[in-house]
Protein backbone atom coordinates (compact mmCIF):
# COMPACT_ATOMS: atom_id res chain seq x y z
CA MET A 1 -8.77 27.31 2.28
CA SER A 2 -6.43 29.70 3.91
CA GLU A 3 -3.25 30.37 2.24
CA ALA A 4 -0.68 27.27 2.97
CA ALA A 5 1.74 27.06 5.68
CA PRO A 6 5.47 26.67 5.16
CA PRO A 7 6.65 23.22 4.15
CA VAL A 8 7.62 20.74 6.64
CA PRO A 9 11.70 20.47 6.24
CA PHE A 10 12.78 17.49 4.98
CA ASP A 11 14.92 15.19 7.03
CA PRO A 12 18.72 16.25 5.95
CA GLU A 13 19.74 12.82 5.45
CA LEU A 14 16.70 11.88 3.36
CA GLU A 15 17.14 15.13 1.37
CA VAL A 16 20.28 14.42 0.00
CA PHE A 17 19.00 11.28 -1.43
CA LEU A 18 16.06 12.82 -2.89
CA GLU A 19 18.22 15.74 -4.36
CA ALA A 20 20.34 13.23 -6.21
CA MET A 21 17.44 11.40 -7.73
CA PRO A 22 17.17 12.09 -11.66
CA SER A 23 13.08 12.87 -11.57
CA THR A 24 10.67 13.41 -8.54
CA GLY A 25 8.18 11.93 -10.92
CA MET A 26 5.83 14.94 -10.38
CA GLY A 27 4.76 17.54 -12.78
CA PHE A 28 2.97 15.02 -15.30
CA LYS A 29 -0.44 14.96 -16.92
CA LEU A 30 -2.69 11.93 -17.41
CA GLU A 31 -1.39 11.63 -20.95
CA ASP A 32 2.18 11.13 -19.78
CA VAL A 33 1.11 7.77 -17.69
CA PRO A 34 2.33 5.05 -20.26
CA LYS A 35 5.83 6.79 -20.29
CA LEU A 36 5.95 7.18 -16.75
CA ARG A 37 5.30 3.40 -16.09
CA GLU A 38 8.25 2.56 -18.60
CA MET A 39 10.51 4.72 -16.36
CA SER A 40 9.23 3.46 -13.06
CA ARG A 41 9.68 -0.41 -14.02
CA GLN A 42 11.87 -2.30 -11.70
CA PHE A 43 11.71 -5.32 -9.91
CA THR A 44 13.14 -8.04 -8.53
CA THR A 45 13.40 -11.34 -10.83
CA ASP A 46 12.86 -14.78 -9.74
CA GLU A 47 16.31 -15.88 -10.08
CA GLN A 48 17.30 -13.00 -7.33
CA LEU A 49 14.89 -14.48 -5.13
CA GLN A 50 15.73 -17.83 -5.33
CA ALA A 51 19.58 -17.09 -5.09
CA ASP A 52 18.52 -15.42 -1.99
CA GLY A 53 16.99 -18.91 -0.50
CA PHE A 54 13.22 -18.37 -1.47
CA THR A 55 10.86 -20.04 -3.54
CA VAL A 56 9.17 -18.06 -5.80
CA GLU A 57 5.52 -19.46 -7.34
CA HIS A 58 3.42 -17.73 -9.96
CA ARG A 59 -0.28 -18.54 -10.68
CA THR A 60 -3.59 -17.01 -11.52
CA VAL A 61 -6.85 -17.02 -9.76
CA PRO A 62 -10.24 -16.26 -10.29
CA GLY A 63 -10.84 -12.26 -10.73
CA PRO A 64 -14.26 -10.77 -10.34
CA GLN A 65 -17.42 -11.97 -12.27
CA GLY A 66 -16.80 -11.26 -15.98
CA ALA A 67 -13.37 -10.11 -15.60
CA PRO A 68 -9.83 -11.47 -16.02
CA GLU A 69 -7.94 -13.58 -13.75
CA VAL A 70 -5.71 -11.76 -11.43
CA PRO A 71 -2.06 -12.59 -11.13
CA LEU A 72 -0.44 -13.31 -7.92
CA VAL A 73 2.98 -14.17 -7.19
CA ILE A 74 4.03 -16.13 -3.97
CA VAL A 75 7.42 -16.11 -2.43
CA ARG A 76 8.47 -18.02 0.76
CA PRO A 77 11.83 -19.14 2.42
CA SER A 78 12.94 -22.02 0.83
CA GLU A 79 13.36 -23.82 4.42
CA ALA A 80 10.10 -22.88 6.03
CA THR A 81 8.09 -25.96 7.15
CA GLY A 82 4.57 -26.17 8.45
CA PRO A 83 1.75 -23.50 7.81
CA LEU A 84 3.06 -20.33 7.28
CA PRO A 85 1.19 -16.91 8.17
CA VAL A 86 0.64 -14.87 5.07
CA VAL A 87 1.49 -11.09 4.21
CA TYR A 88 -0.62 -10.26 1.28
CA SER A 89 0.84 -7.26 -0.44
CA ILE A 90 -0.75 -4.69 -2.61
CA HIS A 91 1.87 -2.58 -4.29
CA GLY A 92 1.42 1.37 -4.67
CA GLY A 93 2.04 3.43 -8.06
CA GLY A 94 -0.79 5.95 -7.51
CA MET A 95 -3.32 3.73 -9.19
CA ILE A 96 -1.79 4.28 -12.27
CA MET A 97 1.18 2.11 -12.36
CA GLY A 98 3.34 -0.61 -10.59
CA ASP A 99 3.33 -4.17 -10.47
CA HIS A 100 3.20 -7.13 -8.06
CA ARG A 101 6.94 -7.42 -8.10
CA GLN A 102 7.34 -4.22 -6.36
CA ALA A 103 9.45 -4.25 -3.11
CA LEU A 104 9.23 -7.88 -3.50
CA ASP A 105 13.07 -8.42 -2.11
CA VAL A 106 12.42 -6.22 0.72
CA MET A 107 9.36 -8.05 2.19
CA ALA A 108 10.82 -11.29 1.28
CA THR A 109 14.06 -10.68 3.80
CA GLU A 110 12.37 -8.41 6.33
CA TRP A 111 9.17 -10.56 6.55
CA GLY A 112 9.46 -13.67 5.07
CA ARG A 113 13.02 -14.94 6.29
CA GLU A 114 12.98 -12.95 9.58
CA LEU A 115 9.47 -13.57 10.49
CA GLY A 116 8.78 -17.01 8.64
CA CYS A 117 5.87 -15.67 6.34
CA ALA A 118 4.73 -16.37 2.75
CA ILE A 119 4.34 -12.90 0.84
CA VAL A 120 1.79 -13.15 -1.62
CA SER A 121 1.65 -10.16 -4.19
CA VAL A 122 -1.22 -9.09 -6.21
CA ASP A 123 -1.13 -7.76 -9.79
CA TYR A 124 -4.36 -5.81 -10.02
CA ARG A 125 -5.72 -3.82 -12.95
CA VAL A 126 -4.73 0.26 -12.90
CA ALA A 127 -6.25 3.11 -14.04
CA PRO A 128 -7.54 5.02 -16.42
CA GLU A 129 -7.76 1.66 -18.73
CA ASN A 130 -9.51 0.12 -15.53
CA PRO A 131 -11.06 2.72 -13.14
CA HIS A 132 -12.85 2.00 -9.96
CA PRO A 133 -13.96 -0.87 -9.23
CA ALA A 134 -11.45 -2.88 -11.04
CA PRO A 135 -8.40 -2.49 -8.81
CA VAL A 136 -10.11 -3.32 -5.38
CA GLN A 137 -12.16 -5.99 -6.83
CA ASP A 138 -9.02 -7.71 -8.19
CA CYS A 139 -7.71 -7.06 -4.91
CA TYR A 140 -10.66 -8.55 -3.02
CA ALA A 141 -10.26 -11.70 -5.26
CA GLY A 142 -6.76 -12.62 -4.67
CA LEU A 143 -7.23 -12.31 -0.91
CA SER A 144 -10.59 -14.55 -1.22
CA TRP A 145 -8.26 -17.33 -3.03
CA ILE A 146 -5.83 -17.34 -0.44
CA ALA A 147 -8.65 -17.57 2.63
CA GLU A 148 -10.39 -20.17 0.56
CA HIS A 149 -7.20 -22.55 -0.87
CA GLY A 150 -4.24 -21.18 1.17
CA ALA A 151 -4.29 -24.18 3.32
CA ASP A 152 -3.84 -26.43 0.46
CA ARG A 153 -0.78 -24.25 -0.63
CA GLY A 154 0.77 -24.35 3.11
CA PHE A 155 -0.47 -21.08 4.22
CA ASP A 156 -1.96 -20.59 7.85
CA THR A 157 -5.19 -19.02 6.83
CA GLU A 158 -5.96 -17.90 10.26
CA ARG A 159 -2.80 -15.66 10.17
CA ILE A 160 -3.44 -13.32 7.24
CA VAL A 161 -1.86 -9.62 7.28
CA MET A 162 -2.65 -7.20 4.49
CA THR A 163 -0.49 -4.59 3.73
CA GLY A 164 0.20 -2.00 0.97
CA GLY A 165 1.76 1.25 0.57
CA SER A 166 0.60 4.45 -1.09
CA ALA A 167 -2.25 3.30 -3.37
CA GLY A 168 -1.72 -0.19 -2.25
CA GLY A 169 -2.61 1.05 1.46
CA GLY A 170 -5.65 3.02 0.03
CA LEU A 171 -6.44 -0.39 -1.71
CA ALA A 172 -5.87 -2.31 1.45
CA ALA A 173 -7.89 -0.36 3.40
CA ALA A 174 -10.54 -0.37 0.73
CA VAL A 175 -10.56 -4.52 0.68
CA ALA A 176 -10.73 -4.60 4.93
CA LEU A 177 -13.79 -2.41 4.58
CA MET A 178 -15.11 -4.76 1.84
CA SER A 179 -14.46 -7.90 3.64
CA ARG A 180 -16.00 -6.27 6.82
CA ASP A 181 -19.43 -5.07 4.91
CA LEU A 182 -19.67 -8.45 2.94
CA ASP A 183 -18.66 -10.66 5.65
CA GLY A 184 -15.64 -11.77 3.68
CA PRO A 185 -12.02 -12.88 4.38
CA LYS A 186 -10.82 -12.57 7.67
CA THR A 187 -7.45 -10.78 8.17
CA ILE A 188 -5.58 -10.58 11.54
CA GLY A 189 -3.77 -7.21 10.51
CA LEU A 190 -3.60 -4.39 8.18
CA LEU A 191 -0.36 -2.29 7.65
CA LEU A 192 -0.59 0.51 6.07
CA GLN A 193 2.43 2.58 4.29
CA ALA A 194 1.68 6.13 3.73
CA PRO A 195 -1.48 4.90 2.16
CA MET A 196 -3.72 6.91 -0.41
CA LEU A 197 -7.16 7.32 1.45
CA ASP A 198 -8.99 10.48 -0.08
CA ASP A 199 -9.70 11.62 -3.24
CA ARG A 200 -10.65 15.14 -2.08
CA ASN A 201 -6.75 15.82 -1.94
CA ASP A 202 -7.52 18.89 0.35
CA THR A 203 -5.97 18.79 3.54
CA PRO A 204 -3.39 21.23 5.03
CA SER A 205 -0.54 18.85 3.90
CA ALA A 206 -1.23 18.48 0.27
CA HIS A 207 -1.29 22.01 0.07
CA GLN A 208 1.68 22.85 2.09
CA MET A 209 3.99 20.19 0.21
CA ARG A 210 2.57 21.20 -3.21
CA GLY A 211 5.28 20.70 -5.76
CA LEU A 212 8.02 18.97 -3.14
CA GLY A 213 9.13 15.48 -2.45
CA ILE A 214 8.04 12.79 -5.13
CA TRP A 215 4.08 12.81 -4.79
CA ASP A 216 2.64 15.96 -4.51
CA GLN A 217 -1.06 17.12 -4.79
CA GLN A 218 -0.98 17.70 -8.31
CA ALA A 219 0.20 14.30 -8.99
CA ASN A 220 -2.45 12.72 -6.49
CA GLU A 221 -5.02 14.46 -8.71
CA VAL A 222 -3.94 12.95 -11.78
CA GLY A 223 -4.04 9.61 -9.94
CA TRP A 224 -7.47 10.15 -8.37
CA THR A 225 -8.97 11.53 -11.77
CA ALA A 226 -7.62 8.04 -13.56
CA LEU A 227 -9.41 6.04 -10.83
CA LEU A 228 -12.78 7.97 -10.41
CA GLY A 229 -13.02 10.23 -13.68
CA ASP A 230 -15.52 13.53 -13.29
CA SER A 231 -16.55 12.05 -9.70
CA ARG A 232 -13.39 12.94 -7.86
CA GLY A 233 -13.85 14.99 -4.99
CA GLY A 234 -17.85 14.91 -5.44
CA ASP A 235 -20.51 13.55 -3.27
CA ASP A 236 -20.97 10.45 -4.18
CA VAL A 237 -17.43 8.66 -4.03
CA SER A 238 -17.55 4.75 -2.64
CA PRO A 239 -15.28 4.12 0.50
CA TYR A 240 -14.25 0.93 -1.39
CA ALA A 241 -12.59 3.49 -3.78
CA ALA A 242 -11.31 6.14 -1.25
CA PRO A 243 -11.50 4.77 2.27
CA ALA A 244 -11.34 8.31 4.09
CA ARG A 245 -15.13 8.35 2.88
CA ALA A 246 -16.10 5.82 5.19
CA ASP A 247 -18.77 6.77 7.61
CA ASP A 248 -17.99 4.08 9.86
CA LEU A 249 -14.30 2.41 10.64
CA SER A 250 -15.33 0.04 13.62
CA GLY A 251 -14.85 -3.51 12.81
CA LEU A 252 -11.30 -2.91 10.79
CA PRO A 253 -8.51 -5.60 12.32
CA PRO A 254 -5.58 -3.99 13.98
CA THR A 255 -4.04 -1.44 11.93
CA PHE A 256 -0.42 -0.02 11.34
CA ILE A 257 -0.20 3.23 9.75
CA ASP A 258 2.86 5.26 9.04
CA VAL A 259 3.69 8.28 7.36
CA GLY A 260 6.20 11.09 6.75
CA SER A 261 5.68 14.31 8.14
CA ALA A 262 6.84 16.25 5.22
CA GLU A 263 4.13 14.67 2.30
CA THR A 264 0.97 14.85 0.84
CA PHE A 265 -0.74 12.14 2.83
CA ARG A 266 -0.01 13.07 6.22
CA ASP A 267 -3.24 14.56 7.48
CA GLU A 268 -5.44 11.91 6.05
CA ASP A 269 -3.21 9.06 7.42
CA VAL A 270 -3.33 10.85 10.76
CA ALA A 271 -7.27 11.20 10.70
CA PHE A 272 -7.75 7.65 9.38
CA ALA A 273 -5.98 6.38 12.56
CA THR A 274 -7.93 8.89 14.85
CA ARG A 275 -11.27 7.69 13.42
CA ILE A 276 -10.37 4.14 13.83
CA TRP A 277 -9.48 5.09 17.86
CA GLN A 278 -12.46 7.27 17.91
CA SER A 279 -14.84 3.86 16.84
CA GLY A 280 -13.21 1.68 19.62
CA GLY A 281 -10.66 0.11 17.02
CA VAL A 282 -6.74 -0.86 17.56
CA ALA A 283 -4.62 1.11 15.60
CA GLU A 284 -0.74 2.56 15.69
CA LEU A 285 0.58 5.50 14.23
CA HIS A 286 3.87 6.74 13.31
CA VAL A 287 4.61 10.13 11.98
CA TRP A 288 8.15 9.90 10.59
CA PRO A 289 10.02 13.74 11.09
CA GLY A 290 11.09 14.98 7.71
CA GLY A 291 9.95 11.97 5.80
CA PHE A 292 8.99 12.44 2.26
CA HIS A 293 6.53 10.29 0.28
CA GLY A 294 8.31 7.02 -0.60
CA PHE A 295 11.25 7.75 2.09
CA ARG A 296 11.56 3.69 2.56
CA MET A 297 13.05 3.62 -0.98
CA PHE A 298 16.58 4.89 0.48
CA PRO A 299 17.00 1.93 3.35
CA GLY A 300 20.29 3.43 4.10
CA ALA A 301 18.94 6.52 5.95
CA GLN A 302 18.59 6.16 9.88
CA LEU A 303 14.84 7.41 9.33
CA SER A 304 14.40 4.39 6.78
CA ARG A 305 15.71 2.17 9.46
CA SER A 306 13.75 3.29 12.11
CA ALA A 307 10.49 3.13 9.97
CA ALA A 308 11.29 -0.76 9.05
CA GLU A 309 12.15 -1.75 12.00
CA ALA A 310 8.70 -0.61 13.61
CA ARG A 311 6.98 -1.96 10.81
CA THR A 312 8.67 -5.18 11.53
CA ALA A 313 8.15 -5.08 15.17
CA TRP A 314 4.19 -4.60 14.91
CA LEU A 315 4.21 -7.35 12.60
CA ARG A 316 5.99 -10.00 14.47
CA ARG A 317 3.52 -9.02 17.32
CA ILE A 318 0.40 -9.52 15.10
CA VAL A 319 1.36 -13.07 13.59
CA ASN A 320 2.64 -14.38 16.78
CA ALA A 321 -0.47 -13.17 18.97
């Protein structure tokens, strides 16, 4: 492709946060993944959630055939009564790191307490030790358990929304495609936060923002290669690995997509929303000016607050429809 355009400037308030970070997490190679995982481990404890008024339950559910069981963590407001709508969360981490406690405190506060939802987060196997299809199959197994057994746990299985950020957003989109194609579990909404959708990694925004922000084109190549190996970027990549490869995006539940204008995934995410509309589907798209990948990690910034308000407003409409 032609020479990349100048990078989109970061939101000035967010850029202050970015510059204060000890490391952007870029410039690593596949062999650096174990160290990167250790550096990135941070999560909310059960005790913190319980002190904030939530109940926490850990359980394992049947995994894909011949594979290990899949861990879930279930968080719900302690005072909640009646069948609760479910937010099924798939964590991010570039397909190579992260765990199911990621952002639990934020989801519990913004969606658990405010909207009266149960949050169910899945701890799927990650690459490169567990390449495709292990991650998406684990996530599908977790959703299947909720649909089949959630009523016994006090869930309203007619009101399941699936969400994910970054790699988790890509996996959520893949699970939605898989559920559609296999006549699997039904969800009423799909909330994708800067989803990682396209293994080809060759959009204008990927080139434009290379070397900038938190997750750039080079880091993205490491993540996709860990998941797909030598098939990355080739002709035979499954849409259940890279949802941008799907020929048909009809039949998806109403979808919310948001992404920063100053990040790698901008163009593939905009294209995905556009193709949902072109298929006759329902999508809401937000491109946050000057937002870099993961800017929601800095909740004090005005752009982060606006993005959080938009996500919660959409989710409120979906679960109360």
